[in-house]
Protein backbone atom coordinates (compact mmCIF):
# COMPACT_ATOMS: atom_id res chain seq x y z
CA MET A 1 14.32 21.56 4.67
CA LEU A 2 16.57 21.77 1.64
CA PRO A 3 17.71 25.14 0.38
CA THR A 4 16.22 26.06 -2.97
CA SER A 5 19.47 26.92 -4.68
CA SER A 6 22.89 26.21 -3.19
CA PRO A 7 24.08 22.58 -2.98
CA LEU A 8 23.86 20.68 0.26
CA GLY A 9 27.41 19.50 0.29
CA SER A 10 26.29 16.18 -1.17
CA SER A 11 28.64 13.87 -3.01
CA PRO A 12 29.62 15.18 -6.46
CA GLU A 13 27.91 12.23 -8.15
CA LEU A 14 24.48 13.59 -7.13
CA ALA A 15 25.08 17.32 -7.66
CA ASP A 16 23.43 17.45 -11.09
CA ILE A 17 20.46 15.38 -9.91
CA GLN A 18 20.07 17.66 -6.91
CA ALA A 19 20.09 20.66 -9.24
CA LYS A 20 17.33 19.12 -11.35
CA ILE A 21 15.19 18.44 -8.28
CA VAL A 22 15.70 21.93 -6.86
CA ALA A 23 14.71 23.32 -10.27
CA GLY A 24 11.60 21.12 -10.38
CA GLU A 25 12.76 19.10 -13.40
CA ARG A 26 11.67 15.51 -14.03
CA LEU A 27 14.24 12.77 -13.34
CA SER A 28 15.21 10.21 -15.95
CA TYR A 29 15.77 6.45 -15.89
CA ASP A 30 19.51 7.02 -15.58
CA ASP A 31 18.94 9.45 -12.70
CA GLY A 32 16.94 6.78 -10.89
CA LEU A 33 19.71 4.22 -11.32
CA ARG A 34 22.34 6.63 -10.06
CA LEU A 35 20.26 7.37 -6.98
CA TYR A 36 19.90 3.67 -6.23
CA ARG A 37 23.63 3.08 -6.68
CA SER A 38 24.56 6.00 -4.44
CA HIS A 39 25.27 5.46 -0.73
CA ASP A 40 24.52 9.09 0.10
CA LEU A 41 21.28 8.18 1.83
CA LEU A 42 20.89 11.42 3.77
CA THR A 43 21.09 13.61 0.67
CA ILE A 44 18.62 11.38 -1.16
CA GLY A 45 16.31 11.59 1.85
CA GLN A 46 16.59 15.38 2.05
CA LEU A 47 15.77 15.68 -1.63
CA ALA A 48 12.69 13.50 -1.16
CA ASP A 49 11.72 15.57 1.88
CA LEU A 50 11.92 18.69 -0.29
CA VAL A 51 9.66 17.18 -2.93
CA ASN A 52 7.16 16.11 -0.27
CA ALA A 53 7.22 19.60 1.23
CA ARG A 54 6.53 21.14 -2.16
CA ARG A 55 3.70 18.76 -2.95
CA ASN A 56 2.05 18.21 0.44
CA GLY A 57 3.47 20.89 2.72
CA GLY A 58 5.81 18.46 4.47
CA GLN A 59 4.08 18.64 7.85
CA ASN A 60 0.92 16.55 7.58
CA VAL A 61 1.01 12.76 7.80
CA TYR A 62 -2.12 10.88 6.78
CA PHE A 63 -3.69 7.80 8.33
CA ASN A 64 -7.12 6.22 8.34
CA GLN A 65 -9.16 3.82 10.41
CA ASN A 66 -9.36 0.73 8.26
CA HIS A 67 -9.89 -3.01 8.59
CA HIS A 68 -8.33 -5.65 6.36
CA VAL A 69 -10.63 -8.38 5.07
CA ASN A 70 -9.29 -11.50 3.33
CA PRO A 71 -12.30 -13.65 2.39
CA THR A 72 -10.29 -16.76 1.44
CA ASN A 73 -6.68 -17.85 1.21
CA VAL A 74 -7.36 -20.59 -1.34
CA CYS A 75 -5.72 -19.59 -4.62
CA ALA A 76 -5.44 -21.02 -8.11
CA PHE A 77 -2.03 -19.36 -8.59
CA HIS A 78 1.32 -20.40 -7.12
CA CYS A 79 3.41 -17.24 -6.71
CA ASN A 80 6.86 -18.08 -5.39
CA PHE A 81 7.01 -15.12 -3.00
CA CYS A 82 3.57 -15.71 -1.44
CA SER A 83 3.18 -17.17 2.05
CA PHE A 84 -0.56 -16.52 2.32
CA ALA A 85 -2.07 -18.76 -0.37
CA ARG A 86 -3.21 -22.38 0.01
CA THR A 87 -3.65 -24.62 -3.02
CA SER A 88 -7.05 -26.08 -2.10
CA ASP A 89 -9.75 -26.11 0.55
CA GLU A 90 -8.15 -29.27 1.98
CA SER A 91 -4.70 -27.72 2.45
CA PRO A 92 -3.52 -27.16 6.04
CA GLY A 93 -4.52 -23.69 7.17
CA ALA A 94 -6.93 -23.12 4.27
CA TYR A 95 -10.11 -21.17 4.91
CA THR A 96 -13.01 -19.67 3.00
CA TRP A 97 -15.59 -17.51 4.75
CA THR A 98 -19.09 -17.00 3.50
CA PRO A 99 -20.18 -13.38 3.13
CA GLU A 100 -22.32 -13.78 6.24
CA GLN A 101 -19.38 -15.16 8.23
CA ILE A 102 -17.23 -12.20 7.18
CA VAL A 103 -19.85 -9.72 8.35
CA GLU A 104 -20.09 -11.40 11.74
CA HIS A 105 -16.35 -12.03 12.13
CA ILE A 106 -15.47 -8.36 11.84
CA ARG A 107 -18.44 -7.03 13.80
CA PRO A 108 -16.52 -6.63 17.12
CA ASP A 109 -14.04 -4.29 15.41
CA VAL A 110 -16.48 -2.12 13.46
CA HIS A 111 -17.25 1.31 14.91
CA PRO A 112 -18.67 4.61 13.59
CA ARG A 113 -15.25 6.13 12.81
CA LEU A 114 -14.13 3.16 10.69
CA THR A 115 -13.94 4.42 7.11
CA GLU A 116 -12.46 1.60 5.01
CA PHE A 117 -12.48 -2.13 4.40
CA HIS A 118 -9.31 -3.14 2.53
CA ILE A 119 -10.32 -6.36 0.74
CA VAL A 120 -7.92 -8.67 -1.08
CA SER A 121 -8.24 -12.40 -1.43
CA GLY A 122 -7.02 -15.64 -2.85
CA LEU A 123 -8.15 -16.45 -6.38
CA HIS A 124 -10.43 -19.34 -5.46
CA PRO A 125 -10.64 -21.73 -8.42
CA VAL A 126 -14.25 -22.89 -7.95
CA LEU A 127 -16.24 -20.27 -6.01
CA GLY A 128 -17.05 -18.15 -9.04
CA PHE A 129 -17.29 -14.41 -9.55
CA ALA A 130 -20.67 -14.11 -7.81
CA TYR A 131 -19.04 -14.99 -4.48
CA TYR A 132 -16.85 -11.88 -4.61
CA GLU A 133 -19.80 -9.71 -5.60
CA ASP A 134 -21.78 -11.14 -2.69
CA VAL A 135 -18.95 -10.30 -0.26
CA LEU A 136 -19.13 -6.64 -1.29
CA ARG A 137 -22.91 -6.55 -1.10
CA ALA A 138 -22.98 -8.13 2.34
CA LEU A 139 -20.42 -5.69 3.74
CA LYS A 140 -22.10 -2.67 2.18
CA GLN A 141 -25.49 -3.73 3.49
CA ALA A 142 -24.20 -4.37 7.02
CA TYR A 143 -21.88 -1.34 7.22
CA PRO A 144 -23.09 1.17 4.62
CA TRP A 145 -20.86 4.03 5.80
CA VAL A 146 -17.62 2.09 5.23
CA HIS A 147 -15.79 2.54 1.91
CA LEU A 148 -14.94 -0.71 0.07
CA LYS A 149 -11.41 -0.63 -1.35
CA ALA A 150 -11.29 -4.05 -2.93
CA PHE A 151 -9.56 -6.42 -5.33
CA THR A 152 -6.22 -5.93 -7.04
CA GLY A 153 -5.69 -5.67 -10.78
CA VAL A 154 -4.69 -9.35 -10.78
CA GLU A 155 -7.99 -10.27 -9.12
CA ILE A 156 -9.96 -8.22 -11.64
CA ASP A 157 -8.20 -10.02 -14.49
CA PHE A 158 -8.89 -13.39 -12.82
CA PHE A 159 -12.59 -12.52 -12.57
CA ALA A 160 -12.55 -11.66 -16.28
CA GLN A 161 -11.02 -15.05 -17.04
CA LEU A 162 -13.65 -16.79 -14.89
CA THR A 163 -16.56 -15.08 -16.57
CA GLY A 164 -15.37 -14.36 -20.11
CA LEU A 165 -16.23 -10.71 -19.50
CA ASP A 166 -13.96 -7.77 -20.24
CA HIS A 167 -12.32 -5.79 -17.45
CA GLU A 168 -14.73 -2.89 -17.75
CA THR A 169 -17.79 -5.09 -17.35
CA VAL A 170 -16.25 -6.84 -14.34
CA LEU A 171 -15.47 -3.50 -12.72
CA ARG A 172 -18.95 -2.13 -13.41
CA ARG A 173 -20.53 -5.17 -11.78
CA LEU A 174 -18.32 -4.79 -8.74
CA MET A 175 -19.15 -1.08 -8.56
CA ASP A 176 -22.83 -2.01 -8.61
CA ALA A 177 -22.09 -4.31 -5.65
CA GLY A 178 -20.40 -1.51 -3.68
CA LEU A 179 -16.81 -1.20 -4.92
CA GLY A 180 -15.46 2.28 -4.16
CA SER A 181 -11.78 2.07 -5.14
CA MET A 182 -8.97 -0.43 -5.72
CA PRO A 183 -5.79 -1.28 -3.79
CA GLY A 184 -2.47 -1.43 -5.59
CA GLY A 185 -1.42 -5.03 -5.02
CA GLY A 186 -0.43 -7.53 -7.68
CA ALA A 187 1.99 -5.16 -9.40
CA GLU A 188 5.02 -6.89 -7.80
CA ILE A 189 7.80 -6.10 -10.34
CA PHE A 190 6.67 -5.36 -13.88
CA HIS A 191 9.72 -6.58 -15.77
CA PRO A 192 8.97 -9.92 -17.50
CA ASP A 193 12.32 -11.47 -16.55
CA VAL A 194 11.39 -11.15 -12.87
CA ARG A 195 7.69 -11.84 -13.26
CA ARG A 196 8.37 -15.16 -15.00
CA LYS A 197 10.33 -16.31 -11.95
CA ILE A 198 8.20 -15.02 -9.07
CA CYS A 199 4.60 -15.07 -10.38
CA PRO A 200 4.39 -16.65 -13.85
CA GLU A 201 0.63 -17.31 -13.69
CA LYS A 202 -0.34 -13.75 -12.78
CA ALA A 203 -1.53 -11.04 -15.11
CA ASP A 204 1.51 -9.51 -16.77
CA ALA A 205 2.51 -5.87 -16.44
CA ASP A 206 0.58 -4.70 -19.49
CA THR A 207 -2.57 -6.38 -18.18
CA TRP A 208 -2.18 -4.95 -14.67
CA LEU A 209 -1.70 -1.48 -16.10
CA ALA A 210 -4.64 -1.96 -18.47
CA VAL A 211 -6.96 -2.89 -15.59
CA HIS A 212 -5.97 0.27 -13.70
CA ARG A 213 -6.34 2.36 -16.85
CA THR A 214 -9.87 1.01 -17.24
CA ALA A 215 -10.65 1.62 -13.56
CA HIS A 216 -9.45 5.22 -13.84
CA GLY A 217 -11.65 5.70 -16.90
CA LEU A 218 -14.65 4.59 -14.84
CA GLY A 219 -13.84 7.13 -12.14
CA LEU A 220 -12.33 4.66 -9.67
CA ARG A 221 -9.26 5.87 -7.81
CA THR A 222 -6.58 3.22 -7.29
CA ASN A 223 -3.25 2.71 -5.56
CA ALA A 224 -0.01 1.25 -6.89
CA THR A 225 2.68 -0.91 -5.30
CA MET A 226 6.12 -2.39 -5.94
CA LEU A 227 7.40 -5.52 -4.20
CA TYR A 228 11.14 -5.02 -3.73
CA GLY A 229 14.02 -6.84 -2.08
CA HIS A 230 13.83 -10.31 -3.66
CA ILE A 231 15.46 -11.20 -7.00
CA GLU A 232 14.97 -7.91 -8.83
CA THR A 233 17.72 -5.43 -9.69
CA TYR A 234 17.83 -1.66 -9.42
CA GLU A 235 17.14 -1.53 -13.16
CA HIS A 236 13.92 -3.48 -12.64
CA ARG A 237 12.81 -1.15 -9.84
CA VAL A 238 13.38 2.01 -11.86
CA ASP A 239 11.62 0.51 -14.88
CA HIS A 240 8.64 -0.33 -12.65
CA LEU A 241 8.41 3.18 -11.20
CA LEU A 242 8.62 4.86 -14.58
CA ARG A 243 5.89 2.65 -16.04
CA LEU A 244 3.64 3.75 -13.19
CA ARG A 245 4.60 7.38 -13.81
CA GLU A 246 3.74 7.01 -17.49
CA LEU A 247 0.23 5.72 -16.75
CA GLN A 248 -0.29 8.44 -14.16
CA ASP A 249 0.63 11.03 -16.81
CA GLU A 250 -2.13 9.53 -18.94
CA THR A 251 -4.94 9.07 -16.40
CA ALA A 252 -4.09 10.86 -13.11
CA GLY A 253 -6.04 8.05 -11.41
CA PHE A 254 -3.48 6.81 -8.89
CA GLN A 255 -3.74 8.18 -5.36
CA THR A 256 -0.87 6.59 -3.47
CA PHE A 257 2.26 4.56 -4.12
CA ILE A 258 3.21 1.92 -1.55
CA PRO A 259 6.67 0.28 -1.71
CA LEU A 260 6.25 -3.23 -0.27
CA ARG A 261 9.29 -4.79 1.33
CA TYR A 262 9.59 -8.51 0.59
CA HIS A 263 9.33 -10.81 3.61
CA PRO A 264 11.08 -14.16 3.16
CA GLU A 265 9.43 -16.66 5.51
CA ASN A 266 7.20 -19.60 4.47
CA ASN A 267 7.50 -19.25 0.71
CA ASN A 268 9.52 -20.69 -2.16
CA LEU A 269 11.83 -17.70 -2.65
CA GLY A 270 13.05 -17.66 0.93
CA ARG A 271 15.80 -15.50 2.39
CA ARG A 272 18.68 -14.30 0.25
CA LEU A 273 22.11 -13.07 1.29
CA ASP A 274 21.26 -9.65 -0.12
CA TRP A 275 17.81 -9.49 1.48
CA THR A 276 16.72 -5.89 1.80
CA THR A 277 17.85 -3.71 4.68
CA ALA A 278 16.52 -0.61 6.43
CA HIS A 279 19.00 1.44 4.36
CA ASP A 280 17.56 0.02 1.14
CA THR A 281 14.00 0.56 2.37
CA LEU A 282 14.53 4.23 3.17
CA LYS A 283 16.32 4.75 -0.12
CA THR A 284 13.48 3.07 -2.03
CA ILE A 285 10.86 5.25 -0.36
CA ALA A 286 12.87 8.39 -1.09
CA ILE A 287 13.56 7.46 -4.72
CA SER A 288 9.89 6.64 -5.18
CA ARG A 289 9.02 10.16 -4.05
CA LEU A 290 11.61 11.62 -6.43
CA LEU A 291 10.69 9.61 -9.53
CA LEU A 292 6.90 9.58 -9.04
CA ASP A 293 6.56 13.32 -9.36
CA ASN A 294 2.92 13.00 -10.46
CA PHE A 295 1.76 10.89 -7.48
CA SER A 296 0.25 12.82 -4.60
CA HIS A 297 1.18 10.43 -1.81
CA ILE A 298 3.88 7.93 -0.82
CA LYS A 299 2.93 5.50 1.93
CA ALA A 300 5.19 4.07 4.62
CA TYR A 301 3.23 0.89 5.38
CA TRP A 302 4.03 0.30 9.04
CA VAL A 303 3.02 -3.38 8.98
CA MET A 304 5.69 -4.12 6.42
CA LEU A 305 8.35 -1.68 7.61
CA THR A 306 7.90 -1.87 11.41
CA PRO A 307 6.68 1.31 13.13
CA PRO A 308 10.20 2.69 13.87
CA ILE A 309 11.29 2.50 10.22
CA ALA A 310 7.93 3.90 9.14
CA GLN A 311 8.64 6.86 11.42
CA LEU A 312 12.02 7.44 9.75
CA ALA A 313 10.37 7.20 6.34
CA LEU A 314 8.33 10.29 7.20
CA HIS A 315 11.58 12.26 6.77
CA PHE A 316 12.40 10.44 3.52
CA GLY A 317 9.46 11.55 1.39
CA ALA A 318 6.57 9.53 2.80
CA ASP A 319 3.45 11.38 3.95
CA ASP A 320 1.14 8.48 4.83
CA ILE A 321 1.59 5.70 7.42
CA ASP A 322 -1.50 3.62 6.48
CA GLY A 323 -4.06 2.96 9.18
CA THR A 324 -5.26 0.87 12.07
CA VAL A 325 -5.29 -2.14 9.66
CA VAL A 326 -6.79 -4.77 12.06
CA GLU A 327 -6.17 -8.46 11.29
CA GLU A 328 -3.40 -8.22 8.71
CA LYS A 329 -2.72 -11.76 7.44
CA ILE A 330 -0.62 -11.62 4.27
CA TYR A 331 2.59 -10.12 5.67
CA HIS A 332 2.29 -11.96 8.96
CA ASP A 333 2.08 -15.29 7.13
CA ALA A 334 5.39 -14.25 5.52
CA GLY A 335 7.08 -13.71 8.88
CA ALA A 336 6.22 -10.12 9.82
CA THR A 337 6.69 -9.59 13.56
CA THR A 338 4.76 -6.32 13.84
CA GLU A 339 1.36 -6.06 15.48
CA GLU A 340 -1.60 -7.03 13.34
CA GLN A 341 -3.22 -3.72 14.20
CA LEU A 342 -2.60 -0.41 15.92
CA ASP A 343 -5.15 1.87 17.49
CA LYS A 344 -5.61 5.50 16.59
CA PHE A 345 -3.69 6.68 19.64
CA ASP A 346 -0.70 4.54 18.63
CA LEU A 347 -0.69 6.19 15.20
CA LEU A 348 -0.99 9.66 16.68
CA ARG A 349 1.94 8.94 18.98
CA LEU A 350 4.13 7.58 16.15
CA ILE A 351 3.47 10.59 13.94
CA LYS A 352 3.77 13.26 16.61
CA ALA A 353 7.01 11.76 17.92
CA VAL A 354 8.76 12.78 14.67
CA GLY A 355 7.40 16.32 14.75
CA LYS A 356 4.62 15.83 12.21
CA THR A 357 0.88 16.54 12.38
CA PRO A 358 -1.45 13.52 12.18
CA VAL A 359 -4.33 13.95 9.74
CA GLU A 360 -7.06 11.34 9.79
CA ARG A 361 -8.39 10.81 6.26
CA ASP A 362 -10.88 8.65 4.45
CA THR A 363 -9.90 6.40 1.55
CA LEU A 364 -10.13 9.24 -0.97
CA TYR A 365 -7.98 11.58 1.17
CA ASN A 366 -10.82 13.72 2.39
CA THR A 367 -9.83 15.07 5.81
CA VAL A 368 -11.73 13.56 8.74
CA GLU A 369 -9.83 15.32 11.52
CA ILE A 370 -6.55 17.14 12.11
CA TYR A 371 -4.79 16.36 15.41
CA ASP A 372 -2.76 19.49 16.00
CA GLN A 373 -2.84 19.50 19.80
CA PRO A 374 -0.11 17.97 22.02
CA ILE A 375 -0.35 14.20 22.40
CA GLU A 376 -1.50 14.57 26.02
CA HIS A 377 -4.71 16.06 24.65
CA TYR A 378 -5.75 12.67 23.24
CA ALA A 379 -6.32 9.41 25.04
CA PRO A 380 -7.28 5.85 24.08
CA ASP A 381 -10.47 4.46 25.50
CA SER A 382 -10.95 1.13 27.22
CA ARG A 383 -12.91 -0.68 24.50
CA LYS A 384 -11.53 -4.17 23.91
CA THR A 385 -11.28 -6.34 20.83
CA ARG A 386 -11.94 -10.07 20.78
CA LYS A 387 -8.30 -10.51 21.88
CA GLY A 388 -8.89 -8.43 24.98
CA GLU A 389 -6.48 -5.67 23.96
CA VAL A 390 -7.11 -1.95 23.60
CA LYS A 391 -6.99 -1.40 19.85
CA ILE A 392 -9.31 1.44 18.87
CA ALA A 393 -8.66 4.91 20.19
CA HIS A 394 -11.36 7.31 21.28
CA ILE A 395 -10.40 10.95 20.89
CA GLU A 396 -11.72 13.44 23.39
CA LEU A 397 -11.46 17.03 22.24
CA ASN A 398 -12.12 19.88 24.66
């Protein structure tokens, strides 16, 4: 834990920034750039750890039991960083599941403690908006206790283009079908110079922000992301973070920020000589915690980071490690080598190993259970998934 007054012995270049953070003052654009250009990773991490301790107590680490659902990978857009999308139903590897097929496909993994379906999809050019509504209805009817966190701001804008409806009407129709909140994808990097090169067909930054502003006005909580480590600069990253902070000042509707590390396989951007490193990842998580002073939570998404780096991130300002996930496709199509899912016991072990307390949450950060006993107190059960592996933990409390 950082002291509240005297300097840490950090490099002189960060002394004034450290003083602002200790005093609880908001950081500027220039402060963000200086943090990114600094190599004093440990001081930056300690500062982020201080901010997390002030905001969240510093001890609890959140996770949930969730299942990813990707109804189709056929997409009308051609984002250069994307390895998931297929251009048509005839493309190799393309798939589109009916709502009924989705319900049955995930049935072996659904259990009473599952609290969230995380639903993102390709922007299918011919299925129509009703298909996406039907997916939500089918899931809500089959599994009524599971929260539906579905469709990015880009998807909402695409549905508006399909139907000629405004964003609010699209969101209201999805809410009627079971939508409970929104993920944060599609933000990528807001700056137009980058967006023109990596995702020129997608909703621009103003549109993405407008969708989330509308969602917040309807009472929907949403997340926010930033895809980093491709062609963007530090200036672009800081600009992105501050635009999110500005909207959060206005609406207070964001729950969590998730920095997403770019993966270079099987897409048109590919690997660069300056492809992001673990050092850059930890710095980005810490700076996110420092600049996004009005966000409650910073997530270390273990699928994207790898579990060991996600563990380190818990000392660099992150207080959430995501969840069990189950069947992650998007990052694995881009070359991720992590598991597609972890069970609850795996998550407990990862969190407890760094001296933190695991807190199981639902999508809206209501506490489900606090695991404050030694790890030996908890044990996975023997239930198998379709792959024959133990993936869902059963907790026995005496």
